[in-house]
């Protein structure tokens, strides 16, 4: 499901909201705002240990985001995400990984949220990404992945939209 908050105008940032449920790695293309069979800009993988989630059972689970060889990700605080309108040009890493486990001494959570800056296509696409992932309670059910944010697909680091294109 894709919801453009602004009409797509060539050269303007694209604002998006996307939700999917998955058992397998999912590939997302920021230019088309579509899940693609492979490639795209971002690969999302959610893995979990066996067992049903219950008050007594909290299986370990992980999320991995990976860009193509020419891109990378930077995790940022929610405050930085909200107040940044210009993408950084360096400091990106090709993968981002989060492990949810009681064994790490952290509180186990069935849902996590993270804010990231993503650069792909050799600097051709800069994305400000909000990621929310909910683990499946039963291993036979898919995990829920929610992406929202803004992508500038014309090589510009600018994430500010044209206020004249805002839908009422």
N, C-alpha and C. Protein backbone atom coordinates (compact mmCIF):
# COMPACT_ATOMS: atom_id res chain seq x y z
N UNK A 1 0.85 -1.16 0.00
CA UNK A 1 0.00 0.00 0.00
C UNK A 1 0.90 1.23 0.00
N UNK A 2 0.63 2.18 -0.86
CA UNK A 2 1.42 3.40 -0.96
C UNK A 2 0.48 4.59 -0.89
N UNK A 3 0.84 5.57 -0.09
CA UNK A 3 0.03 6.77 0.04
C UNK A 3 0.94 7.97 -0.13
N UNK A 4 0.80 8.67 -1.24
CA UNK A 4 1.61 9.87 -1.48
C UNK A 4 0.90 11.05 -0.84
N UNK A 5 1.58 11.73 0.07
CA UNK A 5 0.98 12.89 0.72
C UNK A 5 1.06 14.13 -0.15
N UNK A 6 1.96 14.12 -1.09
CA UNK A 6 2.11 15.21 -2.05
C UNK A 6 1.97 14.63 -3.44
N UNK A 7 1.41 15.38 -4.42
CA UNK A 7 1.46 14.87 -5.78
C UNK A 7 2.92 14.74 -6.19
N UNK A 8 3.24 13.70 -6.93
CA UNK A 8 4.62 13.51 -7.35
C UNK A 8 4.90 14.47 -8.51
N UNK A 9 5.83 15.36 -8.31
CA UNK A 9 6.24 16.34 -9.31
C UNK A 9 7.70 16.06 -9.63
N UNK A 10 8.07 15.92 -10.90
CA UNK A 10 9.47 15.61 -11.22
C UNK A 10 10.43 16.55 -10.49
N UNK A 11 11.44 15.96 -9.86
CA UNK A 11 12.44 16.74 -9.15
C UNK A 11 12.09 17.06 -7.72
N UNK A 12 10.86 16.78 -7.28
CA UNK A 12 10.46 17.07 -5.91
C UNK A 12 10.60 15.83 -5.04
N UNK A 13 10.81 15.99 -3.74
CA UNK A 13 10.84 14.83 -2.85
C UNK A 13 9.51 14.09 -2.87
N UNK A 14 9.57 12.79 -2.64
CA UNK A 14 8.38 11.94 -2.61
C UNK A 14 8.12 11.56 -1.16
N UNK A 15 6.95 11.88 -0.63
CA UNK A 15 6.56 11.50 0.72
C UNK A 15 5.79 10.20 0.63
N UNK A 16 6.11 9.23 1.50
CA UNK A 16 5.49 7.92 1.37
C UNK A 16 5.14 7.31 2.71
N UNK A 17 4.15 6.42 2.68
CA UNK A 17 3.79 5.54 3.79
C UNK A 17 3.61 4.16 3.18
N UNK A 18 4.18 3.13 3.79
CA UNK A 18 4.13 1.79 3.22
C UNK A 18 4.02 0.78 4.36
N UNK A 19 3.14 -0.19 4.20
CA UNK A 19 2.97 -1.26 5.19
C UNK A 19 2.98 -2.58 4.45
N UNK A 20 3.68 -3.57 4.98
CA UNK A 20 3.65 -4.91 4.41
C UNK A 20 3.76 -5.93 5.53
N UNK A 21 3.38 -7.14 5.24
CA UNK A 21 3.58 -8.25 6.16
C UNK A 21 4.46 -9.24 5.42
N UNK A 22 5.44 -9.81 6.12
CA UNK A 22 6.42 -10.61 5.41
C UNK A 22 6.90 -11.82 6.20
N UNK A 23 7.20 -12.87 5.46
CA UNK A 23 7.89 -14.06 5.98
C UNK A 23 9.33 -14.09 5.46
N UNK A 24 9.57 -13.40 4.35
CA UNK A 24 10.84 -13.49 3.63
C UNK A 24 11.44 -12.09 3.48
N UNK A 25 12.72 -12.00 3.10
CA UNK A 25 13.30 -10.67 2.85
C UNK A 25 12.44 -9.89 1.85
N UNK A 26 12.28 -8.59 2.12
CA UNK A 26 11.47 -7.72 1.28
C UNK A 26 12.37 -6.65 0.69
N UNK A 27 12.20 -6.38 -0.59
CA UNK A 27 12.99 -5.37 -1.29
C UNK A 27 12.07 -4.21 -1.64
N UNK A 28 12.51 -2.98 -1.29
CA UNK A 28 11.68 -1.80 -1.52
C UNK A 28 12.44 -0.83 -2.43
N UNK A 29 11.73 -0.31 -3.44
CA UNK A 29 12.29 0.65 -4.38
C UNK A 29 11.74 2.04 -4.04
N UNK A 30 12.62 2.97 -3.65
CA UNK A 30 12.17 4.31 -3.27
C UNK A 30 11.67 5.12 -4.47
N UNK A 31 12.20 4.85 -5.66
CA UNK A 31 11.76 5.61 -6.84
C UNK A 31 10.34 5.25 -7.25
N UNK A 32 10.00 3.97 -7.20
CA UNK A 32 8.66 3.54 -7.63
C UNK A 32 7.70 3.37 -6.46
N UNK A 33 8.22 3.41 -5.23
CA UNK A 33 7.45 3.18 -4.01
C UNK A 33 6.76 1.82 -4.05
N UNK A 34 7.48 0.82 -4.52
CA UNK A 34 6.93 -0.52 -4.68
C UNK A 34 7.85 -1.57 -4.06
N UNK A 35 7.24 -2.67 -3.62
CA UNK A 35 8.02 -3.86 -3.29
C UNK A 35 8.41 -4.49 -4.62
N UNK A 36 9.67 -4.86 -4.75
CA UNK A 36 10.16 -5.48 -5.98
C UNK A 36 10.72 -6.86 -5.66
N UNK A 37 10.76 -7.77 -6.65
CA UNK A 37 11.23 -9.14 -6.38
C UNK A 37 12.67 -9.21 -5.87
N UNK A 38 13.52 -8.30 -6.32
CA UNK A 38 14.90 -8.23 -5.85
C UNK A 38 15.45 -6.85 -6.21
N UNK A 39 16.61 -6.53 -5.64
CA UNK A 39 17.22 -5.24 -5.96
C UNK A 39 16.55 -4.11 -5.20
N UNK A 40 16.14 -3.08 -5.92
CA UNK A 40 15.55 -1.92 -5.27
C UNK A 40 16.60 -1.15 -4.48
N UNK A 41 16.14 -0.36 -3.54
CA UNK A 41 17.04 0.46 -2.73
C UNK A 41 17.33 -0.14 -1.36
N UNK A 42 16.39 -0.92 -0.83
CA UNK A 42 16.51 -1.39 0.54
C UNK A 42 16.01 -2.82 0.66
N UNK A 43 16.81 -3.66 1.30
CA UNK A 43 16.41 -5.04 1.61
C UNK A 43 16.11 -5.09 3.10
N UNK A 44 14.93 -5.59 3.47
CA UNK A 44 14.49 -5.68 4.86
C UNK A 44 14.33 -7.16 5.20
N UNK A 45 15.04 -7.61 6.24
CA UNK A 45 14.94 -9.00 6.66
C UNK A 45 14.59 -9.04 8.15
N UNK A 46 13.52 -9.77 8.49
CA UNK A 46 13.12 -9.98 9.87
C UNK A 46 13.23 -11.48 10.15
N UNK A 47 13.98 -11.83 11.19
CA UNK A 47 14.13 -13.23 11.59
C UNK A 47 13.72 -13.38 13.04
N UNK A 48 13.22 -14.57 13.38
CA UNK A 48 12.83 -14.83 14.77
C UNK A 48 13.12 -16.27 15.13
N UNK A 49 13.31 -16.48 16.43
CA UNK A 49 13.49 -17.83 16.96
C UNK A 49 12.14 -18.54 16.96
N UNK A 50 12.14 -19.87 17.00
CA UNK A 50 10.87 -20.60 17.04
C UNK A 50 10.10 -20.32 18.33
N UNK A 51 8.82 -20.60 18.28
CA UNK A 51 7.98 -20.48 19.47
C UNK A 51 6.98 -19.36 19.38
N UNK A 52 5.84 -19.57 20.01
CA UNK A 52 4.78 -18.57 20.05
C UNK A 52 5.10 -17.54 21.13
N UNK A 53 4.88 -16.27 20.83
CA UNK A 53 5.09 -15.22 21.82
C UNK A 53 3.98 -15.29 22.86
N UNK A 54 4.37 -15.30 24.13
CA UNK A 54 3.41 -15.33 25.23
C UNK A 54 4.04 -14.59 26.41
N UNK A 55 3.29 -14.38 27.49
CA UNK A 55 3.91 -13.73 28.66
C UNK A 55 5.13 -14.48 29.18
N UNK A 56 5.18 -15.81 28.95
CA UNK A 56 6.30 -16.61 29.44
C UNK A 56 7.39 -16.81 28.39
N UNK A 57 7.08 -16.62 27.12
CA UNK A 57 8.02 -16.93 26.04
C UNK A 57 8.27 -15.70 25.17
N UNK A 58 9.51 -15.24 25.18
CA UNK A 58 9.90 -14.08 24.38
C UNK A 58 11.04 -14.50 23.44
N UNK A 59 10.69 -15.01 22.25
CA UNK A 59 11.76 -15.45 21.35
C UNK A 59 12.62 -14.29 20.87
N UNK A 60 13.90 -14.57 20.66
CA UNK A 60 14.80 -13.58 20.08
C UNK A 60 14.35 -13.27 18.66
N UNK A 61 14.56 -12.04 18.23
CA UNK A 61 14.28 -11.69 16.84
C UNK A 61 15.20 -10.57 16.40
N UNK A 62 15.38 -10.48 15.08
CA UNK A 62 16.30 -9.49 14.53
C UNK A 62 15.68 -8.80 13.31
N UNK A 63 16.19 -7.60 13.08
CA UNK A 63 15.85 -6.84 11.87
C UNK A 63 17.17 -6.45 11.24
N UNK A 64 17.26 -6.65 9.93
CA UNK A 64 18.44 -6.19 9.20
C UNK A 64 17.99 -5.40 7.99
N UNK A 65 18.54 -4.21 7.84
CA UNK A 65 18.34 -3.39 6.66
C UNK A 65 19.66 -3.37 5.91
N UNK A 66 19.57 -3.52 4.60
CA UNK A 66 20.77 -3.53 3.78
C UNK A 66 20.51 -2.77 2.49
N UNK A 67 21.45 -1.91 2.12
CA UNK A 67 21.33 -1.21 0.85
C UNK A 67 22.20 -1.91 -0.18
N UNK A 68 22.04 -1.53 -1.43
CA UNK A 68 22.91 -2.03 -2.48
C UNK A 68 24.34 -1.58 -2.17
N UNK A 69 25.32 -2.15 -2.88
CA UNK A 69 26.73 -1.87 -2.61
C UNK A 69 27.07 -0.38 -2.70
N UNK A 70 26.27 0.38 -3.40
CA UNK A 70 26.57 1.81 -3.59
C UNK A 70 25.86 2.71 -2.60
N UNK A 71 25.29 2.14 -1.53
CA UNK A 71 24.51 2.97 -0.61
C UNK A 71 24.85 2.70 0.84
N UNK A 72 24.03 3.28 1.73
CA UNK A 72 24.25 3.07 3.14
C UNK A 72 23.17 3.69 4.00
N UNK A 73 23.29 3.45 5.31
CA UNK A 73 22.30 3.90 6.29
C UNK A 73 22.99 4.56 7.47
N UNK A 74 22.29 5.53 8.08
CA UNK A 74 22.74 6.16 9.32
C UNK A 74 21.55 6.16 10.27
N UNK A 75 21.70 5.55 11.45
CA UNK A 75 20.63 5.61 12.46
C UNK A 75 20.73 6.95 13.18
N UNK A 76 19.58 7.60 13.38
CA UNK A 76 19.53 8.90 14.05
C UNK A 76 18.45 8.88 15.12
N UNK A 77 18.49 9.84 16.01
CA UNK A 77 17.46 9.97 17.03
C UNK A 77 16.18 10.50 16.40
N UNK A 78 15.03 10.24 17.01
CA UNK A 78 13.78 10.82 16.49
C UNK A 78 13.85 12.35 16.39
N UNK A 79 14.49 13.01 17.35
CA UNK A 79 14.59 14.48 17.31
C UNK A 79 15.41 14.93 16.11
N UNK A 80 16.50 14.24 15.81
CA UNK A 80 17.31 14.58 14.64
C UNK A 80 16.53 14.33 13.36
N UNK A 81 15.80 13.22 13.32
CA UNK A 81 15.01 12.87 12.14
C UNK A 81 13.99 13.97 11.83
N UNK A 82 13.31 14.45 12.85
CA UNK A 82 12.25 15.46 12.66
C UNK A 82 12.83 16.81 12.24
N UNK A 83 14.00 17.15 12.72
CA UNK A 83 14.52 18.50 12.48
C UNK A 83 15.55 18.59 11.36
N UNK A 84 15.84 17.50 10.68
CA UNK A 84 16.81 17.51 9.59
C UNK A 84 16.10 17.55 8.25
N UNK A 85 16.46 18.54 7.43
CA UNK A 85 15.85 18.70 6.11
C UNK A 85 16.86 18.60 4.98
N UNK A 86 18.11 18.30 5.33
CA UNK A 86 19.16 18.18 4.34
C UNK A 86 19.97 16.94 4.66
N UNK A 87 20.04 15.99 3.74
CA UNK A 87 20.71 14.71 3.99
C UNK A 87 22.22 14.88 4.11
N UNK A 88 22.83 14.16 5.06
CA UNK A 88 24.29 14.16 5.11
C UNK A 88 24.84 13.44 3.86
N UNK A 89 26.02 13.81 3.44
CA UNK A 89 26.61 13.20 2.24
C UNK A 89 27.60 12.09 2.58
N UNK A 90 27.95 11.92 3.87
CA UNK A 90 28.86 10.84 4.23
C UNK A 90 28.48 10.27 5.60
N UNK A 91 29.19 9.21 6.01
CA UNK A 91 28.93 8.58 7.30
C UNK A 91 27.99 7.39 7.22
N UNK A 92 27.63 6.97 6.02
CA UNK A 92 26.68 5.87 5.83
C UNK A 92 27.38 4.52 5.94
N UNK A 93 26.66 3.52 6.48
CA UNK A 93 27.13 2.14 6.57
C UNK A 93 26.22 1.26 5.70
N UNK A 94 26.75 0.21 5.05
CA UNK A 94 25.92 -0.60 4.14
C UNK A 94 24.81 -1.40 4.80
N UNK A 95 24.95 -1.69 6.12
CA UNK A 95 23.94 -2.48 6.83
C UNK A 95 23.60 -1.84 8.17
N UNK A 96 22.36 -2.10 8.61
CA UNK A 96 21.91 -1.72 9.95
C UNK A 96 21.25 -2.95 10.54
N UNK A 97 21.57 -3.27 11.80
CA UNK A 97 21.10 -4.50 12.41
C UNK A 97 20.61 -4.21 13.82
N UNK A 98 19.48 -4.82 14.19
CA UNK A 98 18.95 -4.70 15.54
C UNK A 98 18.55 -6.08 16.03
N UNK A 99 19.04 -6.45 17.22
CA UNK A 99 18.68 -7.73 17.84
C UNK A 99 17.82 -7.43 19.06
N UNK A 100 16.68 -8.10 19.16
CA UNK A 100 15.80 -7.97 20.33
C UNK A 100 15.88 -9.30 21.08
N UNK A 101 16.44 -9.25 22.29
CA UNK A 101 16.66 -10.46 23.06
C UNK A 101 16.75 -10.13 24.53
N UNK A 102 16.15 -10.94 25.37
CA UNK A 102 16.31 -10.75 26.81
C UNK A 102 17.73 -11.07 27.25
N UNK A 103 18.46 -11.83 26.43
CA UNK A 103 19.83 -12.22 26.77
C UNK A 103 20.78 -11.04 26.74
N UNK A 104 20.40 -9.94 26.08
CA UNK A 104 21.27 -8.76 26.00
C UNK A 104 21.14 -7.88 27.23
N UNK A 105 20.20 -8.21 28.12
CA UNK A 105 19.97 -7.39 29.30
C UNK A 105 18.98 -6.26 29.06
N UNK A 106 18.53 -6.12 27.84
CA UNK A 106 17.54 -5.11 27.50
C UNK A 106 16.14 -5.69 27.67
N UNK A 107 15.15 -4.82 27.81
CA UNK A 107 13.76 -5.26 27.89
C UNK A 107 13.33 -5.82 26.53
N UNK A 108 12.69 -6.99 26.54
CA UNK A 108 12.20 -7.59 25.30
C UNK A 108 10.96 -6.82 24.84
N UNK A 109 10.88 -6.52 23.55
CA UNK A 109 9.76 -5.77 22.99
C UNK A 109 9.19 -6.49 21.77
N UNK A 110 7.85 -6.48 21.61
CA UNK A 110 7.25 -7.09 20.42
C UNK A 110 7.25 -6.15 19.21
N UNK A 111 7.52 -4.85 19.45
CA UNK A 111 7.57 -3.87 18.37
C UNK A 111 8.75 -2.94 18.62
N UNK A 112 9.38 -2.51 17.54
CA UNK A 112 10.47 -1.54 17.65
C UNK A 112 10.30 -0.46 16.59
N UNK A 113 10.86 0.69 16.87
CA UNK A 113 10.84 1.81 15.93
C UNK A 113 12.25 2.36 15.82
N UNK A 114 12.60 2.82 14.63
CA UNK A 114 13.90 3.43 14.44
C UNK A 114 13.81 4.47 13.34
N UNK A 115 14.70 5.45 13.40
CA UNK A 115 14.78 6.50 12.40
C UNK A 115 16.14 6.41 11.71
N UNK A 116 16.11 6.47 10.38
CA UNK A 116 17.35 6.33 9.63
C UNK A 116 17.39 7.29 8.45
N UNK A 117 18.61 7.64 8.06
CA UNK A 117 18.85 8.31 6.79
C UNK A 117 19.44 7.26 5.87
N UNK A 118 18.97 7.22 4.62
CA UNK A 118 19.40 6.20 3.67
C UNK A 118 19.87 6.90 2.39
N UNK A 119 21.03 6.49 1.90
CA UNK A 119 21.55 7.00 0.63
C UNK A 119 21.75 5.81 -0.28
N UNK A 120 21.21 5.87 -1.50
CA UNK A 120 21.35 4.77 -2.47
C UNK A 120 21.61 5.32 -3.86
N UNK A 121 21.88 4.40 -4.78
CA UNK A 121 22.11 4.72 -6.19
C UNK A 121 23.21 5.75 -6.37
N UNK A 122 24.34 5.50 -5.68
CA UNK A 122 25.53 6.36 -5.77
C UNK A 122 25.20 7.83 -5.51
N UNK A 123 24.34 8.08 -4.53
CA UNK A 123 23.96 9.45 -4.19
C UNK A 123 22.80 9.96 -5.01
N UNK A 124 22.17 9.10 -5.80
CA UNK A 124 21.03 9.52 -6.62
C UNK A 124 19.73 9.59 -5.84
N UNK A 125 19.66 8.88 -4.70
CA UNK A 125 18.45 8.88 -3.88
C UNK A 125 18.85 9.06 -2.42
N UNK A 126 18.27 10.08 -1.77
CA UNK A 126 18.46 10.32 -0.35
C UNK A 126 17.09 10.19 0.31
N UNK A 127 17.01 9.33 1.35
CA UNK A 127 15.73 9.03 1.99
C UNK A 127 15.83 9.24 3.50
N UNK A 128 14.80 9.84 4.03
CA UNK A 128 14.62 10.01 5.48
C UNK A 128 13.56 8.99 5.86
N UNK A 129 13.93 7.95 6.59
CA UNK A 129 13.09 6.77 6.78
C UNK A 129 12.73 6.55 8.24
N UNK A 130 11.43 6.37 8.49
CA UNK A 130 10.94 5.94 9.79
C UNK A 130 10.54 4.47 9.63
N UNK A 131 11.09 3.61 10.47
CA UNK A 131 10.86 2.18 10.39
C UNK A 131 10.16 1.71 11.66
N UNK A 132 9.08 0.95 11.50
CA UNK A 132 8.40 0.31 12.63
C UNK A 132 8.21 -1.15 12.26
N UNK A 133 8.61 -2.04 13.17
CA UNK A 133 8.50 -3.48 12.91
C UNK A 133 7.84 -4.13 14.11
N UNK A 134 6.83 -4.96 13.83
CA UNK A 134 6.16 -5.74 14.85
C UNK A 134 6.39 -7.22 14.58
N UNK A 135 6.88 -7.93 15.58
CA UNK A 135 7.16 -9.35 15.40
C UNK A 135 5.85 -10.13 15.37
N UNK A 136 5.84 -11.19 14.61
CA UNK A 136 4.68 -12.07 14.54
C UNK A 136 4.56 -12.88 15.83
N UNK A 137 3.36 -12.94 16.39
CA UNK A 137 3.16 -13.67 17.64
C UNK A 137 3.31 -15.17 17.46
N UNK A 138 2.93 -15.67 16.30
CA UNK A 138 3.05 -17.07 15.95
C UNK A 138 4.05 -17.16 14.80
N UNK A 139 5.01 -18.08 14.84
CA UNK A 139 6.01 -18.14 13.77
C UNK A 139 5.41 -18.44 12.39
N UNK A 140 4.17 -18.91 12.34
CA UNK A 140 3.53 -19.18 11.05
C UNK A 140 2.84 -17.94 10.48
N UNK A 141 2.88 -16.84 11.21
CA UNK A 141 2.28 -15.58 10.74
C UNK A 141 3.39 -14.64 10.28
N UNK A 142 3.08 -13.71 9.38
CA UNK A 142 4.12 -12.78 8.92
C UNK A 142 4.37 -11.66 9.93
N UNK A 143 5.56 -11.10 9.88
CA UNK A 143 5.90 -9.92 10.67
C UNK A 143 5.38 -8.69 9.92
N UNK A 144 5.08 -7.62 10.66
CA UNK A 144 4.60 -6.39 10.04
C UNK A 144 5.72 -5.37 9.97
N UNK A 145 5.92 -4.80 8.78
CA UNK A 145 6.94 -3.78 8.55
C UNK A 145 6.25 -2.53 8.03
N UNK A 146 6.50 -1.39 8.70
CA UNK A 146 5.93 -0.11 8.27
C UNK A 146 7.06 0.87 7.99
N UNK A 147 7.05 1.45 6.80
CA UNK A 147 8.02 2.45 6.40
C UNK A 147 7.28 3.75 6.13
N UNK A 148 7.84 4.85 6.55
CA UNK A 148 7.30 6.15 6.15
C UNK A 148 8.45 7.12 6.09
N UNK A 149 8.26 8.19 5.34
CA UNK A 149 9.33 9.17 5.24
C UNK A 149 9.26 9.94 3.95
N UNK A 150 10.42 10.42 3.53
CA UNK A 150 10.53 11.21 2.30
C UNK A 150 11.78 10.77 1.55
N UNK A 151 11.65 10.63 0.24
CA UNK A 151 12.78 10.26 -0.61
C UNK A 151 12.96 11.32 -1.69
N UNK A 152 14.18 11.81 -1.82
CA UNK A 152 14.49 12.69 -2.94
C UNK A 152 15.24 11.84 -3.95
N UNK A 153 14.61 11.60 -5.10
CA UNK A 153 15.14 10.66 -6.08
C UNK A 153 15.90 11.33 -7.22
N UNK A 154 16.18 12.63 -7.09
CA UNK A 154 16.88 13.32 -8.18
C UNK A 154 18.32 13.69 -7.82
N UNK A 155 18.89 13.07 -6.79
CA UNK A 155 20.27 13.32 -6.42
C UNK A 155 20.46 14.47 -5.47
N UNK A 156 19.40 15.17 -5.11
CA UNK A 156 19.50 16.29 -4.19
C UNK A 156 19.40 15.78 -2.75
N UNK A 157 20.11 16.45 -1.86
CA UNK A 157 20.05 16.13 -0.44
C UNK A 157 18.87 16.82 0.25
N UNK A 158 18.11 17.62 -0.47
CA UNK A 158 17.03 18.41 0.10
C UNK A 158 15.78 17.56 0.31
N UNK A 159 15.28 17.53 1.56
CA UNK A 159 14.06 16.79 1.88
C UNK A 159 12.85 17.70 2.07
N UNK A 160 12.99 18.98 1.86
CA UNK A 160 11.85 19.88 2.03
C UNK A 160 10.95 19.79 0.80
N UNK A 161 9.67 19.62 1.04
CA UNK A 161 8.71 19.55 -0.06
C UNK A 161 8.28 20.93 -0.49
N UNK A 162 7.69 21.00 -1.65
CA UNK A 162 7.14 22.25 -2.18
C UNK A 162 5.80 22.48 -1.49
N UNK A 163 5.68 23.50 -0.62
CA UNK A 163 4.43 23.72 0.09
C UNK A 163 3.25 23.98 -0.85
N UNK A 164 3.53 24.40 -2.07
CA UNK A 164 2.47 24.65 -3.04
C UNK A 164 1.82 23.37 -3.56
N UNK A 165 2.46 22.21 -3.28
CA UNK A 165 1.89 20.94 -3.76
C UNK A 165 1.16 20.17 -2.66
N UNK A 166 1.10 20.71 -1.45
CA UNK A 166 0.44 20.03 -0.34
C UNK A 166 -1.02 19.80 -0.63
N UNK A 167 -1.47 18.57 -0.47
CA UNK A 167 -2.90 18.26 -0.66
C UNK A 167 -3.68 18.79 0.55
N UNK A 168 -4.85 19.41 0.31
CA UNK A 168 -5.64 19.90 1.44
C UNK A 168 -6.22 18.76 2.26
